[in-house]
C-alpha atoms as a PDB file:
ATOM      1  CA  MET A   1     184.508-118.945  59.613  1.00  0.00           C
ATOM      2  CA  PRO A   2     187.979-120.585  59.896  1.00  0.00           C
ATOM      3  CA  LYS A   3     190.079-119.187  62.458  1.00  0.00           C
ATOM      4  CA  VAL A   4     193.841-118.620  61.738  1.00  0.00           C
ATOM      5  CA  LEU A   5     196.694-117.756  63.940  1.00  0.00           C
ATOM      6  CA  ILE A   6     199.670-116.163  62.888  1.00  0.00           C
ATOM      7  CA  ALA A   7     202.330-116.923  65.680  1.00  0.00           C
ATOM      8  CA  THR A   8     205.683-115.354  65.044  1.00  0.00           C
ATOM      9  CA  VAL A   9     208.670-114.920  67.630  1.00  0.00           C
ATOM     10  CA  LYS A  10     210.207-112.995  65.028  1.00  0.00           C
ATOM     11  CA  PRO A  11     206.889-111.023  63.492  1.00  0.00           C
ATOM     12  CA  PHE A  12     206.916-110.650  59.939  1.00  0.00           C
ATOM     13  CA  ALA A  13     207.582-107.268  58.384  1.00  0.00           C
ATOM     14  CA  LYS A  14     204.870-104.603  58.479  1.00  0.00           C
ATOM     15  CA  ALA A  15     204.368-104.803  54.472  1.00  0.00           C
ATOM     16  CA  ALA A  16     203.800-108.802  54.966  1.00  0.00           C
ATOM     17  CA  VAL A  17     201.407-108.458  57.981  1.00  0.00           C
ATOM     18  CA  GLU A  18     199.250-106.174  55.627  1.00  0.00           C
ATOM     19  CA  GLN A  19     199.630-108.525  52.821  1.00  0.00           C
ATOM     20  CA  ILE A  20     198.369-111.414  54.925  1.00  0.00           C
ATOM     21  CA  LYS A  21     196.086-109.552  56.501  1.00  0.00           C
ATOM     22  CA  SER A  22     194.612-108.745  52.923  1.00  0.00           C
ATOM     23  CA  VAL A  23     194.564-112.213  52.087  1.00  0.00           C
ATOM     24  CA  PHE A  24     192.556-113.505  54.939  1.00  0.00           C
ATOM     25  CA  ASP A  25     190.014-110.440  54.699  1.00  0.00           C
ATOM     26  CA  ASN A  26     189.160-110.988  50.974  1.00  0.00           C
ATOM     27  CA  ALA A  27     188.120-114.633  51.973  1.00  0.00           C
ATOM     28  CA  GLY A  28     186.592-113.934  55.090  1.00  0.00           C
ATOM     29  CA  TYR A  29     188.499-115.538  57.359  1.00  0.00           C
ATOM     30  CA  GLU A  30     189.235-114.512  61.172  1.00  0.00           C
ATOM     31  CA  TYR A  31     192.931-114.225  61.818  1.00  0.00           C
ATOM     32  CA  ARG A  32     195.298-113.038  64.803  1.00  0.00           C
ATOM     33  CA  PHE A  33     198.935-112.375  65.474  1.00  0.00           C
ATOM     34  CA  LEU A  34     200.740-113.619  68.289  1.00  0.00           C
ATOM     35  CA  GLU A  35     204.174-111.846  67.997  1.00  0.00           C
ATOM     36  CA  LYS A  36     207.164-111.634  70.307  1.00  0.00           C
ATOM     37  CA  TYR A  37     205.418-113.933  72.527  1.00  0.00           C
ATOM     38  CA  GLU A  38     207.634-115.374  75.609  1.00  0.00           C
ATOM     39  CA  GLY A  39     207.630-119.008  75.818  1.00  0.00           C
ATOM     40  CA  GLU A  40     205.225-122.029  75.131  1.00  0.00           C
ATOM     41  CA  GLY A  41     202.550-121.120  77.442  1.00  0.00           C
ATOM     42  CA  GLU A  42     200.935-118.085  75.544  1.00  0.00           C
ATOM     43  CA  LEU A  43     201.706-120.079  71.790  1.00  0.00           C
ATOM     44  CA  LEU A  44     199.257-122.832  73.964  1.00  0.00           C
ATOM     45  CA  THR A  45     196.497-120.817  74.853  1.00  0.00           C
ATOM     46  CA  ALA A  46     196.700-118.819  71.802  1.00  0.00           C
ATOM     47  CA  VAL A  47     196.405-122.256  69.542  1.00  0.00           C
ATOM     48  CA  LYS A  48     193.377-123.711  71.588  1.00  0.00           C
ATOM     49  CA  ASP A  49     190.305-122.851  69.292  1.00  0.00           C
ATOM     50  CA  VAL A  50     192.220-122.336  65.891  1.00  0.00           C
ATOM     51  CA  ASP A  51     191.581-124.212  62.382  1.00  0.00           C
ATOM     52  CA  ALA A  52     195.140-122.985  60.606  1.00  0.00           C
ATOM     53  CA  MET A  53     198.671-121.820  62.208  1.00  0.00           C
ATOM     54  CA  ILE A  54     201.355-119.990  60.283  1.00  0.00           C
ATOM     55  CA  ILE A  55     204.855-119.784  61.921  1.00  0.00           C
ATOM     56  CA  ARG A  56     208.278-118.966  60.721  1.00  0.00           C
ATOM     57  CA  SER A  57     210.919-120.289  63.162  1.00  0.00           C
ATOM     58  CA  ASP A  58     208.644-120.913  66.170  1.00  0.00           C
ATOM     59  CA  LYS A  59     208.585-124.608  67.512  1.00  0.00           C
ATOM     60  CA  VAL A  60     205.356-126.683  66.757  1.00  0.00           C
ATOM     61  CA  THR A  61     205.796-129.281  69.558  1.00  0.00           C
ATOM     62  CA  PRO A  62     203.613-132.306  70.633  1.00  0.00           C
ATOM     63  CA  ALA A  63     202.214-130.132  73.621  1.00  0.00           C
ATOM     64  CA  VAL A  64     201.514-127.261  70.746  1.00  0.00           C
ATOM     65  CA  ILE A  65     199.293-130.057  68.770  1.00  0.00           C
ATOM     66  CA  ASP A  66     197.630-131.261  71.702  1.00  0.00           C
ATOM     67  CA  ALA A  67     196.671-128.212  72.874  1.00  0.00           C
ATOM     68  CA  ALA A  68     195.179-127.305  69.361  1.00  0.00           C
ATOM     69  CA  GLN A  69     191.712-128.789  69.500  1.00  0.00           C
ATOM     70  CA  ASN A  70     190.583-128.019  66.455  1.00  0.00           C
ATOM     71  CA  LEU A  71     194.144-127.418  64.241  1.00  0.00           C
ATOM     72  CA  LYS A  72     193.612-128.669  60.501  1.00  0.00           C
ATOM     73  CA  ILE A  73     197.120-127.086  59.021  1.00  0.00           C
ATOM     74  CA  VAL A  74     200.507-125.375  59.973  1.00  0.00           C
ATOM     75  CA  VAL A  75     202.302-123.739  57.362  1.00  0.00           C
ATOM     76  CA  ARG A  76     205.976-122.948  58.180  1.00  0.00           C
ATOM     77  CA  ALA A  77     206.504-119.844  56.152  1.00  0.00           C
ATOM     78  CA  GLY A  78     209.638-120.391  54.869  1.00  0.00           C
ATOM     79  CA  ALA A  79     211.448-124.082  53.308  1.00  0.00           C
ATOM     80  CA  GLY A  80     212.873-125.523  56.549  1.00  0.00           C
ATOM     81  CA  TYR A  81     210.799-127.225  58.686  1.00  0.00           C
ATOM     82  CA  ASP A  82     212.592-129.166  61.413  1.00  0.00           C
ATOM     83  CA  ASN A  83     211.131-126.578  63.714  1.00  0.00           C
ATOM     84  CA  VAL A  84     207.591-128.670  63.269  1.00  0.00           C
ATOM     85  CA  ASN A  85     207.089-132.006  65.151  1.00  0.00           C
ATOM     86  CA  LEU A  86     206.002-134.294  61.837  1.00  0.00           C
ATOM     87  CA  GLU A  87     205.108-137.381  63.633  1.00  0.00           C
ATOM     88  CA  ALA A  88     202.965-135.485  66.288  1.00  0.00           C
ATOM     89  CA  ALA A  89     201.136-133.616  63.696  1.00  0.00           C
ATOM     90  CA  ALA A  90     200.745-136.521  61.535  1.00  0.00           C
ATOM     91  CA  ALA A  91     199.181-138.456  64.541  1.00  0.00           C
ATOM     92  CA  LYS A  92     196.322-135.931  65.090  1.00  0.00           C
ATOM     93  CA  GLY A  93     195.824-135.786  61.156  1.00  0.00           C
ATOM     94  CA  ILE A  94     197.218-132.370  60.645  1.00  0.00           C
ATOM     95  CA  THR A  95     198.914-131.469  57.412  1.00  0.00           C
ATOM     96  CA  VAL A  96     202.053-129.648  57.666  1.00  0.00           C
ATOM     97  CA  MET A  97     203.362-127.489  54.758  1.00  0.00           C
ATOM     98  CA  ASN A  98     205.940-125.286  53.706  1.00  0.00           C
ATOM     99  CA  THR A  99     206.327-122.769  51.439  1.00  0.00           C
ATOM    100  CA  PRO A 100     209.180-123.634  49.026  1.00  0.00           C
ATOM    101  CA  GLY A 101     211.032-121.089  46.874  1.00  0.00           C
ATOM    102  CA  GLN A 102     209.598-117.989  48.324  1.00  0.00           C
ATOM    103  CA  ASN A 103     213.022-117.377  49.952  1.00  0.00           C
ATOM    104  CA  SER A 104     214.983-118.946  47.727  1.00  0.00           C
ATOM    105  CA  ASN A 105     216.649-115.936  45.792  1.00  0.00           C
ATOM    106  CA  ALA A 106     217.116-114.107  49.513  1.00  0.00           C
ATOM    107  CA  VAL A 107     219.082-116.946  50.342  1.00  0.00           C
ATOM    108  CA  ALA A 108     221.207-117.322  47.311  1.00  0.00           C
ATOM    109  CA  GLU A 109     222.079-113.483  47.195  1.00  0.00           C
ATOM    110  CA  LEU A 110     223.077-113.942  50.838  1.00  0.00           C
ATOM    111  CA  VAL A 111     225.479-117.127  49.969  1.00  0.00           C
ATOM    112  CA  LEU A 112     227.130-114.983  47.375  1.00  0.00           C
ATOM    113  CA  GLY A 113     227.253-111.685  49.512  1.00  0.00           C
ATOM    114  CA  MET A 114     229.067-113.600  52.465  1.00  0.00           C
ATOM    115  CA  MET A 115     231.473-115.074  49.585  1.00  0.00           C
ATOM    116  CA  VAL A 116     232.564-111.852  48.389  1.00  0.00           C
ATOM    117  CA  PHE A 117     232.756-110.458  52.024  1.00  0.00           C
ATOM    118  CA  GLN A 118     235.256-113.331  53.063  1.00  0.00           C
ATOM    119  CA  ALA A 119     237.154-113.055  49.598  1.00  0.00           C
ATOM    120  CA  ARG A 120     237.811-109.674  49.996  1.00  0.00           C
ATOM    121  CA  ASN A 121     239.000-110.062  53.677  1.00  0.00           C
ATOM    122  CA  HIS A 122     235.804-108.566  55.333  1.00  0.00           C
ATOM    123  CA  PHE A 123     236.628-105.382  53.503  1.00  0.00           C
ATOM    124  CA  ASN A 124     239.400-104.473  55.762  1.00  0.00           C
ATOM    125  CA  GLY A 125     241.651-102.409  53.120  1.00  0.00           C
ATOM    126  CA  THR A 126     243.959-105.335  52.125  1.00  0.00           C
ATOM    127  CA  SER A 127     244.192-107.502  48.755  1.00  0.00           C
ATOM    128  CA  GLY A 128     241.927-110.088  48.613  1.00  0.00           C
ATOM    129  CA  THR A 129     240.419-112.550  46.123  1.00  0.00           C
ATOM    130  CA  GLU A 130     238.153-112.761  43.266  1.00  0.00           C
ATOM    131  CA  LEU A 131     235.397-115.126  42.438  1.00  0.00           C
ATOM    132  CA  LYS A 132     235.496-115.090  38.979  1.00  0.00           C
ATOM    133  CA  GLY A 133     237.388-118.302  37.899  1.00  0.00           C
ATOM    134  CA  LYS A 134     236.819-120.105  40.642  1.00  0.00           C
ATOM    135  CA  LYS A 135     234.466-123.311  41.070  1.00  0.00           C
ATOM    136  CA  ILE A 136     231.631-123.599  43.183  1.00  0.00           C
ATOM    137  CA  GLY A 137     229.966-126.762  44.418  1.00  0.00           C
ATOM    138  CA  ILE A 138     226.072-126.628  45.222  1.00  0.00           C
ATOM    139  CA  HIS A 139     225.294-129.745  47.519  1.00  0.00           C
ATOM    140  CA  ALA A 140     221.882-130.197  46.760  1.00  0.00           C
ATOM    141  CA  TYR A 141     220.164-128.378  43.864  1.00  0.00           C
ATOM    142  CA  GLY A 142     216.704-127.325  45.046  1.00  0.00           C
ATOM    143  CA  ASN A 143     214.873-123.810  44.818  1.00  0.00           C
ATOM    144  CA  VAL A 144     218.168-122.112  46.710  1.00  0.00           C
ATOM    145  CA  GLY A 145     220.911-123.857  44.746  1.00  0.00           C
ATOM    146  CA  LYS A 146     219.205-123.174  41.190  1.00  0.00           C
ATOM    147  CA  ASN A 147     219.545-119.254  42.385  1.00  0.00           C
ATOM    148  CA  VAL A 148     223.325-120.114  43.674  1.00  0.00           C
ATOM    149  CA  ALA A 149     223.951-121.519  40.307  1.00  0.00           C
ATOM    150  CA  ARG A 150     222.309-118.711  38.550  1.00  0.00           C
ATOM    151  CA  ILE A 151     224.232-115.806  40.257  1.00  0.00           C
ATOM    152  CA  ALA A 152     227.648-117.665  40.493  1.00  0.00           C
ATOM    153  CA  LYS A 153     227.493-117.976  37.129  1.00  0.00           C
ATOM    154  CA  GLY A 154     227.233-113.899  36.682  1.00  0.00           C
ATOM    155  CA  PHE A 155     230.193-113.561  38.858  1.00  0.00           C
ATOM    156  CA  GLY A 156     231.993-116.110  36.153  1.00  0.00           C
ATOM    157  CA  MET A 157     232.087-118.996  38.342  1.00  0.00           C
ATOM    158  CA  SER A 158     231.884-122.417  37.067  1.00  0.00           C
ATOM    159  CA  VAL A 159     229.228-124.159  38.630  1.00  0.00           C
ATOM    160  CA  ALA A 160     229.046-128.015  39.923  1.00  0.00           C
ATOM    161  CA  ALA A 161     226.029-129.654  41.520  1.00  0.00           C
ATOM    162  CA  PHE A 162     225.536-132.570  43.481  1.00  0.00           C
ATOM    163  CA  ASP A 163     222.095-133.922  44.187  1.00  0.00           C
ATOM    164  CA  PRO A 164     220.543-137.550  44.209  1.00  0.00           C
ATOM    165  CA  PHE A 165     216.984-136.581  43.756  1.00  0.00           C
ATOM    166  CA  VAL A 166     217.396-134.173  40.865  1.00  0.00           C
ATOM    167  CA  PRO A 167     217.766-135.673  37.324  1.00  0.00           C
ATOM    168  CA  LYS A 168     221.147-135.324  36.309  1.00  0.00           C
ATOM    169  CA  GLU A 169     219.896-133.957  32.644  1.00  0.00           C
ATOM    170  CA  ALA A 170     218.073-130.855  34.429  1.00  0.00           C
ATOM    171  CA  MET A 171     221.283-129.932  36.191  1.00  0.00           C
ATOM    172  CA  GLU A 172     222.921-130.309  33.007  1.00  0.00           C
ATOM    173  CA  ALA A 173     220.249-128.229  30.896  1.00  0.00           C
ATOM    174  CA  ASP A 174     221.217-125.233  33.371  1.00  0.00           C
ATOM    175  CA  GLY A 175     224.743-125.609  32.371  1.00  0.00           C
ATOM    176  CA  VAL A 176     225.906-127.510  35.607  1.00  0.00           C
ATOM    177  CA  GLN A 177     228.213-129.963  35.950  1.00  0.00           C
ATOM    178  CA  VAL A 178     227.036-133.049  37.916  1.00  0.00           C
ATOM    179  CA  PHE A 179     229.132-135.058  40.385  1.00  0.00           C
ATOM    180  CA  ASP A 180     227.690-138.809  40.793  1.00  0.00           C
ATOM    181  CA  LYS A 181     229.637-138.884  43.872  1.00  0.00           C
ATOM    182  CA  VAL A 182     229.301-136.179  46.506  1.00  0.00           C
ATOM    183  CA  GLU A 183     233.182-136.404  47.557  1.00  0.00           C
ATOM    184  CA  GLU A 184     234.327-135.896  44.060  1.00  0.00           C
ATOM    185  CA  MET A 185     232.525-132.648  44.019  1.00  0.00           C
ATOM    186  CA  TYR A 186     234.231-131.530  47.718  1.00  0.00           C
ATOM    187  CA  ALA A 187     237.289-132.496  46.203  1.00  0.00           C
ATOM    188  CA  ASP A 188     237.016-130.493  43.081  1.00  0.00           C
ATOM    189  CA  CYS A 189     235.671-127.309  44.241  1.00  0.00           C
ATOM    190  CA  ASP A 190     237.111-123.864  45.448  1.00  0.00           C
ATOM    191  CA  TYR A 191     233.816-123.120  47.392  1.00  0.00           C
ATOM    192  CA  VAL A 192     231.039-125.334  48.635  1.00  0.00           C
ATOM    193  CA  SER A 193     227.374-124.115  49.314  1.00  0.00           C
ATOM    194  CA  LEU A 194     225.705-126.238  51.253  1.00  0.00           C
ATOM    195  CA  HIS A 195     221.502-126.402  50.810  1.00  0.00           C
ATOM    196  CA  ILE A 196     220.365-129.754  52.449  1.00  0.00           C
ATOM    197  CA  PRO A 197     218.172-130.203  54.957  1.00  0.00           C
ATOM    198  CA  ALA A 198     218.273-131.147  58.687  1.00  0.00           C
ATOM    199  CA  ASN A 199     216.685-134.883  59.155  1.00  0.00           C
ATOM    200  CA  GLN A 200     218.037-137.824  60.661  1.00  0.00           C
ATOM    201  CA  HIS A 201     219.954-138.803  57.320  1.00  0.00           C
ATOM    202  CA  THR A 202     221.636-135.315  57.429  1.00  0.00           C
ATOM    203  CA  ILE A 203     222.333-134.347  60.850  1.00  0.00           C
ATOM    204  CA  LYS A 204     226.439-134.393  61.357  1.00  0.00           C
ATOM    205  CA  SER A 205     226.732-135.415  57.865  1.00  0.00           C
ATOM    206  CA  ILE A 206     229.191-132.838  56.560  1.00  0.00           C
ATOM    207  CA  ASN A 207     231.831-134.420  58.713  1.00  0.00           C
ATOM    208  CA  HIS A 208     235.639-135.034  58.627  1.00  0.00           C
ATOM    209  CA  ALA A 209     235.231-137.834  56.272  1.00  0.00           C
ATOM    210  CA  LEU A 210     233.695-135.598  53.740  1.00  0.00           C
ATOM    211  CA  LEU A 211     235.317-132.409  54.574  1.00  0.00           C
ATOM    212  CA  SER A 212     238.911-133.771  54.082  1.00  0.00           C
ATOM    213  CA  ASN A 213     238.464-134.269  50.473  1.00  0.00           C
ATOM    214  CA  MET A 214     238.188-130.435  50.056  1.00  0.00           C
ATOM    215  CA  LYS A 215     241.321-128.464  48.852  1.00  0.00           C
ATOM    216  CA  ASP A 216     243.664-126.749  51.533  1.00  0.00           C
ATOM    217  CA  HIS A 217     241.989-123.397  50.441  1.00  0.00           C
ATOM    218  CA  ALA A 218     238.633-124.196  50.131  1.00  0.00           C
ATOM    219  CA  VAL A 219     236.010-122.381  51.708  1.00  0.00           C
ATOM    220  CA  LEU A 220     232.849-123.935  53.123  1.00  0.00           C
ATOM    221  CA  ILE A 221     228.962-122.083  53.246  1.00  0.00           C
ATOM    222  CA  ASN A 222     226.436-123.258  55.241  1.00  0.00           C
ATOM    223  CA  THR A 223     222.731-121.524  54.447  1.00  0.00           C
ATOM    224  CA  ALA A 224     221.165-124.874  55.577  1.00  0.00           C
ATOM    225  CA  ARG A 225     221.004-125.771  59.265  1.00  0.00           C
ATOM    226  CA  LYS A 226     223.802-125.965  61.936  1.00  0.00           C
ATOM    227  CA  GLU A 227     222.528-129.181  62.745  1.00  0.00           C
ATOM    228  CA  VAL A 228     224.215-130.923  59.571  1.00  0.00           C
ATOM    229  CA  ILE A 229     227.508-130.131  60.239  1.00  0.00           C
ATOM    230  CA  ASP A 230     229.727-132.019  62.817  1.00  0.00           C
ATOM    231  CA  GLU A 231     231.078-129.203  64.518  1.00  0.00           C
ATOM    232  CA  GLU A 232     233.979-131.199  66.265  1.00  0.00           C
ATOM    233  CA  ASP A 233     234.818-132.388  62.813  1.00  0.00           C
ATOM    234  CA  ILE A 234     234.867-128.800  61.227  1.00  0.00           C
ATOM    235  CA  VAL A 235     237.436-127.639  63.917  1.00  0.00           C
ATOM    236  CA  LYS A 236     239.581-130.492  63.034  1.00  0.00           C
ATOM    237  CA  VAL A 237     239.308-129.527  59.355  1.00  0.00           C
ATOM    238  CA  PHE A 238     240.186-125.954  60.346  1.00  0.00           C
ATOM    239  CA  GLU A 239     243.627-127.394  62.194  1.00  0.00           C
ATOM    240  CA  GLU A 240     244.720-129.796  59.286  1.00  0.00           C
ATOM    241  CA  LYS A 241     243.860-127.241  56.247  1.00  0.00           C
ATOM    242  CA  PRO A 242     245.839-123.748  57.007  1.00  0.00           C
ATOM    243  CA  GLY A 243     243.516-122.346  54.303  1.00  0.00           C
ATOM    244  CA  PHE A 244     240.406-123.937  54.978  1.00  0.00           C
ATOM    245  CA  GLN A 245     237.461-121.304  55.871  1.00  0.00           C
ATOM    246  CA  TYR A 246     233.769-121.632  57.026  1.00  0.00           C
ATOM    247  CA  LEU A 247     230.987-119.375  56.590  1.00  0.00           C
ATOM    248  CA  SER A 248     227.470-119.571  57.793  1.00  0.00           C
ATOM    249  CA  ASP A 249     224.152-118.187  58.102  1.00  0.00           C
ATOM    250  CA  VAL A 250     223.989-119.313  61.807  1.00  0.00           C
ATOM    251  CA  ALA A 251     226.768-119.672  64.270  1.00  0.00           C
ATOM    252  CA  PRO A 252     227.525-123.084  65.743  1.00  0.00           C
ATOM    253  CA  ASP A 253     227.522-123.953  69.130  1.00  0.00           C
ATOM    254  CA  ASN A 254     231.090-123.673  69.377  1.00  0.00           C
ATOM    255  CA  LYS A 255     231.681-120.292  67.981  1.00  0.00           C
ATOM    256  CA  ALA A 256     234.098-119.249  70.707  1.00  0.00           C
ATOM    257  CA  VAL A 257     236.744-122.043  70.162  1.00  0.00           C
ATOM    258  CA  ILE A 258     236.566-121.043  66.363  1.00  0.00           C
ATOM    259  CA  ALA A 259     237.140-117.567  66.886  1.00  0.00           C
ATOM    260  CA  GLU A 260     239.950-117.802  69.467  1.00  0.00           C
ATOM    261  CA  LYS A 261     241.911-120.464  67.182  1.00  0.00           C
ATOM    262  CA  PHE A 262     241.101-119.427  63.213  1.00  0.00           C
ATOM    263  CA  GLU A 263     240.617-115.399  63.305  1.00  0.00           C
ATOM    264  CA  GLY A 264     239.749-114.247  59.905  1.00  0.00           C
ATOM    265  CA  ARG A 265     239.334-117.908  58.457  1.00  0.00           C
ATOM    266  CA  PHE A 266     235.358-117.633  59.513  1.00  0.00           C
ATOM    267  CA  PHE A 267     231.985-115.542  59.131  1.00  0.00           C
ATOM    268  CA  PHE A 268     229.229-116.167  60.908  1.00  0.00           C
ATOM    269  CA  THR A 269     225.868-114.009  60.872  1.00  0.00           C
ATOM    270  CA  PRO A 270     224.608-112.227  63.872  1.00  0.00           C
ATOM    271  CA  LYS A 271     220.846-114.498  63.550  1.00  0.00           C
ATOM    272  CA  LYS A 272     219.650-116.702  60.885  1.00  0.00           C
ATOM    273  CA  MET A 273     219.449-114.213  58.006  1.00  0.00           C
ATOM    274  CA  GLY A 274     219.153-115.849  54.686  1.00  0.00           C
ATOM    275  CA  ALA A 275     215.485-115.050  54.440  1.00  0.00           C
ATOM    276  CA  GLN A 276     215.720-111.615  56.301  1.00  0.00           C
ATOM    277  CA  THR A 277     214.571-109.391  53.037  1.00  0.00           C
ATOM    278  CA  ALA A 278     211.794-107.360  52.404  1.00  0.00           C
ATOM    279  CA  GLU A 279     210.636-109.212  49.267  1.00  0.00           C
ATOM    280  CA  ALA A 280     211.563-112.945  50.760  1.00  0.00           C
ATOM    281  CA  ASN A 281     208.872-112.001  54.064  1.00  0.00           C
ATOM    282  CA  ILE A 282     206.203-110.836  51.816  1.00  0.00           C
ATOM    283  CA  ASN A 283     206.535-113.631  49.718  1.00  0.00           C
ATOM    284  CA  ALA A 284     206.365-116.522  52.206  1.00  0.00           C
ATOM    285  CA  GLY A 285     203.593-114.656  54.318  1.00  0.00           C
ATOM    286  CA  LYS A 286     201.366-114.141  51.576  1.00  0.00           C
ATOM    287  CA  ALA A 287     201.918-117.770  50.496  1.00  0.00           C
ATOM    288  CA  ALA A 288     201.350-119.350  53.709  1.00  0.00           C
ATOM    289  CA  ALA A 289     197.993-117.572  53.646  1.00  0.00           C
ATOM    290  CA  ASN A 290     197.069-118.651  50.518  1.00  0.00           C
ATOM    291  CA  GLN A 291     198.288-122.408  51.141  1.00  0.00           C
ATOM    292  CA  ILE A 292     195.726-122.259  54.210  1.00  0.00           C
ATOM    293  CA  ILE A 293     192.869-121.067  52.322  1.00  0.00           C
ATOM    294  CA  GLY A 294     193.571-123.762  49.308  1.00  0.00           C
ATOM    295  CA  PHE A 295     193.570-126.428  51.594  1.00  0.00           C
ATOM    296  CA  ILE A 296     190.376-125.981  53.805  1.00  0.00           C
ATOM    297  CA  GLU A 297     188.269-124.714  50.680  1.00  0.00           C
ATOM    298  CA  LYS A 298     189.717-126.984  48.344  1.00  0.00           C
ATOM    299  CA  GLY A 299     191.820-129.911  49.826  1.00  0.00           C
ATOM    300  CA  ASP A 300     195.224-128.696  48.083  1.00  0.00           C
ATOM    301  CA  ALA A 301     198.077-130.392  49.729  1.00  0.00           C
ATOM    302  CA  THR A 302     200.237-129.406  47.431  1.00  0.00           C
ATOM    303  CA  PHE A 303     203.268-128.492  49.469  1.00  0.00           C
ATOM    304  CA  LYS A 304     202.424-131.311  52.385  1.00  0.00           C
ATOM    305  CA  VAL A 305     205.409-132.144  53.871  1.00  0.00           C
ATOM    306  CA  ASN A 306     204.310-134.894  56.515  1.00  0.00           C
END
């Protein structure tokens, strides 16, 4: 009987837990939950004899992988997987997967929600601006980007995108203007929404050289990872462009500097909240459980990332 560990410092919602249990009960799998654990030590002990593991924002380090004597698969319930050491997993023949698309609508709704909140001056009673007639550029047109485009069009916005990995025809079929150069998209749009992963090619890639192309009143929205932002450079952009605004689903390390100098021109969620909806929680948890079963029983590695 395969053994599964669901390791979540930030636990799944109760409804998601019930769905995960149901999937594994029906498959005859043994499972246990490690929730709100304190420190890697607890995880090292819990992972020793399991065949599979589901995580959320939990870190799967080389130490965790070394301790997992029987581990065959790790599924990150969500899109990003930079919290898993892919090289260490691959070296031990462990498959790593994510659950792409399960959180995409939740993240996209947060993007537009933060945009409305900022455009209306945090609902402080003063006159704001409307999104209708404005132009949004989507940096990476994946599952989240597509949903951002759909919702933005509902607000009456025009939509552009840059993604060298998605066929131009596919984006144009969605009624999206496609830019061949990312700098040109940044220069043309009132809003730019980031959906790039954090990897060796993208970390600190959103820098002064790129952001200096933006309009003076432009708004940057980041629901990706904070590591893709060059935080020193974004302060320079704040200083050079008096109307520039920055909205992020995770506070930068230099939040205190930004708060002190640029009041009213930013908004940061108190914690990463893109996937924090009941629906996304259930979708990602259930998908992770089904992917483990598909992999163990059929060798299905559709969403393998390493």
